[in-house]
Amino acid sequence: MKNDTFLDYLSTKHADGYMGTDDNMPDSFERYLESLDTNEMIDFADEWTKNVLEFAQLKVKQIKGVYSAHDALEAVDKVLSDLQK
């Protein structure tokens, strides 16, 4: 997944609109985080959650050759566990 954590997602959002040198990017990102208001943060969290869920759904759909409900649940558990890393 492109954005493993919410912070990674916010970093990507910042980078998409960043104009400057690599040296100044970390400080710019800090200022960017501080400038986000509550509604923007909630909107970004909603987008990120939607992306995570869509990724999980794709991974679950890729589970093939499952012969029992137990095997399917184990495979889903593994997908969810991998997402938490």
C-alpha atoms as a PDB file:
ATOM      1  CA  MET A   1       0.000   0.000   0.000  1.00  0.00           C
ATOM      2  CA  LYS A   2       1.312   3.411  -0.905  1.00  0.00           C
ATOM      3  CA  ASN A   3       0.495   5.042   2.455  1.00  0.00           C
ATOM      4  CA  ASP A   4       1.023   2.570   5.266  1.00  0.00           C
ATOM      5  CA  THR A   5       0.221   4.941   8.119  1.00  0.00           C
ATOM      6  CA  PHE A   6      -1.916   8.029   8.479  1.00  0.00           C
ATOM      7  CA  LEU A   7       1.255  10.072   8.931  1.00  0.00           C
ATOM      8  CA  ASP A   8       2.602   8.634   5.648  1.00  0.00           C
ATOM      9  CA  TYR A   9      -0.671   9.636   3.994  1.00  0.00           C
ATOM     10  CA  LEU A  10      -0.394  13.192   5.314  1.00  0.00           C
ATOM     11  CA  SER A  11       3.229  13.324   4.185  1.00  0.00           C
ATOM     12  CA  THR A  12       2.156  12.354   0.667  1.00  0.00           C
ATOM     13  CA  LYS A  13      -0.597  14.982   0.703  1.00  0.00           C
ATOM     14  CA  HIS A  14       1.975  17.585   1.742  1.00  0.00           C
ATOM     15  CA  ALA A  15       4.495  16.424  -0.873  1.00  0.00           C
ATOM     16  CA  ASP A  16       1.896  16.628  -3.655  1.00  0.00           C
ATOM     17  CA  GLY A  17       1.682  20.397  -3.203  1.00  0.00           C
ATOM     18  CA  TYR A  18       5.202  21.102  -1.953  1.00  0.00           C
ATOM     19  CA  MET A  19       7.367  23.572  -3.820  1.00  0.00           C
ATOM     20  CA  GLY A  20      10.830  23.864  -2.376  1.00  0.00           C
ATOM     21  CA  THR A  21      14.063  22.087  -1.682  1.00  0.00           C
ATOM     22  CA  ASP A  22      14.448  18.692  -0.044  1.00  0.00           C
ATOM     23  CA  ASP A  23      16.369  20.341   2.800  1.00  0.00           C
ATOM     24  CA  ASN A  24      13.357  22.446   3.799  1.00  0.00           C
ATOM     25  CA  MET A  25      10.732  19.750   3.344  1.00  0.00           C
ATOM     26  CA  PRO A  26      10.729  18.358   6.929  1.00  0.00           C
ATOM     27  CA  ASP A  27      10.197  21.828   8.414  1.00  0.00           C
ATOM     28  CA  SER A  28       7.557  22.579   5.807  1.00  0.00           C
ATOM     29  CA  PHE A  29       5.768  19.340   6.681  1.00  0.00           C
ATOM     30  CA  GLU A  30       5.738  20.287  10.375  1.00  0.00           C
ATOM     31  CA  ARG A  31       4.212  23.662   9.526  1.00  0.00           C
ATOM     32  CA  TYR A  32       1.725  21.926   7.236  1.00  0.00           C
ATOM     33  CA  LEU A  33       0.584  19.635  10.070  1.00  0.00           C
ATOM     34  CA  GLU A  34       0.250  22.563  12.454  1.00  0.00           C
ATOM     35  CA  SER A  35      -1.830  24.499   9.922  1.00  0.00           C
ATOM     36  CA  LEU A  36      -4.442  21.767   9.389  1.00  0.00           C
ATOM     37  CA  ASP A  37      -7.731  22.529  11.088  1.00  0.00           C
ATOM     38  CA  THR A  38      -9.945  19.896  12.683  1.00  0.00           C
ATOM     39  CA  ASN A  39     -12.241  19.506   9.672  1.00  0.00           C
ATOM     40  CA  GLU A  40      -9.313  19.073   7.275  1.00  0.00           C
ATOM     41  CA  MET A  41      -7.785  16.450   9.579  1.00  0.00           C
ATOM     42  CA  ILE A  42     -11.104  14.590   9.759  1.00  0.00           C
ATOM     43  CA  ASP A  43     -11.485  14.721   5.966  1.00  0.00           C
ATOM     44  CA  PHE A  44      -7.953  13.358   5.487  1.00  0.00           C
ATOM     45  CA  ALA A  45      -8.596  10.632   8.088  1.00  0.00           C
ATOM     46  CA  ASP A  46     -11.783   9.646   6.268  1.00  0.00           C
ATOM     47  CA  GLU A  47      -9.935   9.473   2.921  1.00  0.00           C
ATOM     48  CA  TRP A  48      -7.101   7.432   4.422  1.00  0.00           C
ATOM     49  CA  THR A  49      -9.526   5.028   6.130  1.00  0.00           C
ATOM     50  CA  LYS A  50     -11.385   4.559   2.841  1.00  0.00           C
ATOM     51  CA  ASN A  51      -8.076   3.768   1.102  1.00  0.00           C
ATOM     52  CA  VAL A  52      -7.116   1.244   3.799  1.00  0.00           C
ATOM     53  CA  LEU A  53     -10.490  -0.469   3.584  1.00  0.00           C
ATOM     54  CA  GLU A  54     -10.371  -0.634  -0.222  1.00  0.00           C
ATOM     55  CA  PHE A  55      -6.870  -2.122  -0.013  1.00  0.00           C
ATOM     56  CA  ALA A  56      -8.052  -4.713   2.520  1.00  0.00           C
ATOM     57  CA  GLN A  57     -11.023  -5.604   0.315  1.00  0.00           C
ATOM     58  CA  LEU A  58      -8.717  -6.160  -2.658  1.00  0.00           C
ATOM     59  CA  LYS A  59      -6.423  -8.362  -0.586  1.00  0.00           C
ATOM     60  CA  VAL A  60      -9.355 -10.419   0.686  1.00  0.00           C
ATOM     61  CA  LYS A  61     -10.650 -10.868  -2.881  1.00  0.00           C
ATOM     62  CA  GLN A  62      -7.229 -12.232  -3.821  1.00  0.00           C
ATOM     63  CA  ILE A  63      -7.613 -15.114  -1.375  1.00  0.00           C
ATOM     64  CA  LYS A  64      -8.103 -18.106  -3.615  1.00  0.00           C
ATOM     65  CA  GLY A  65      -8.272 -21.823  -3.079  1.00  0.00           C
ATOM     66  CA  VAL A  66      -9.927 -21.535   0.313  1.00  0.00           C
ATOM     67  CA  TYR A  67     -11.446 -24.862   1.231  1.00  0.00           C
ATOM     68  CA  SER A  68     -13.164 -24.041   4.506  1.00  0.00           C
ATOM     69  CA  ALA A  69     -14.602 -21.153   6.458  1.00  0.00           C
ATOM     70  CA  HIS A  70     -11.793 -21.602   8.987  1.00  0.00           C
ATOM     71  CA  ASP A  71      -9.146 -21.219   6.275  1.00  0.00           C
ATOM     72  CA  ALA A  72     -10.935 -18.133   4.946  1.00  0.00           C
ATOM     73  CA  LEU A  73     -11.049 -16.525   8.387  1.00  0.00           C
ATOM     74  CA  GLU A  74      -7.357 -17.250   8.931  1.00  0.00           C
ATOM     75  CA  ALA A  75      -6.530 -15.662   5.577  1.00  0.00           C
ATOM     76  CA  VAL A  76      -8.609 -12.563   6.393  1.00  0.00           C
ATOM     77  CA  ASP A  77      -6.959 -12.338   9.819  1.00  0.00           C
ATOM     78  CA  LYS A  78      -3.568 -12.393   8.120  1.00  0.00           C
ATOM     79  CA  VAL A  79      -4.579  -9.576   5.740  1.00  0.00           C
ATOM     80  CA  LEU A  80      -5.785  -7.452   8.653  1.00  0.00           C
ATOM     81  CA  SER A  81      -2.677  -8.240  10.682  1.00  0.00           C
ATOM     82  CA  ASP A  82      -0.442  -7.233   7.762  1.00  0.00           C
ATOM     83  CA  LEU A  83      -2.312  -3.933   7.477  1.00  0.00           C
ATOM     84  CA  GLN A  84      -1.548  -3.138  11.106  1.00  0.00           C
ATOM     85  CA  LYS A  85       2.216  -3.450  10.622  1.00  0.00           C
END
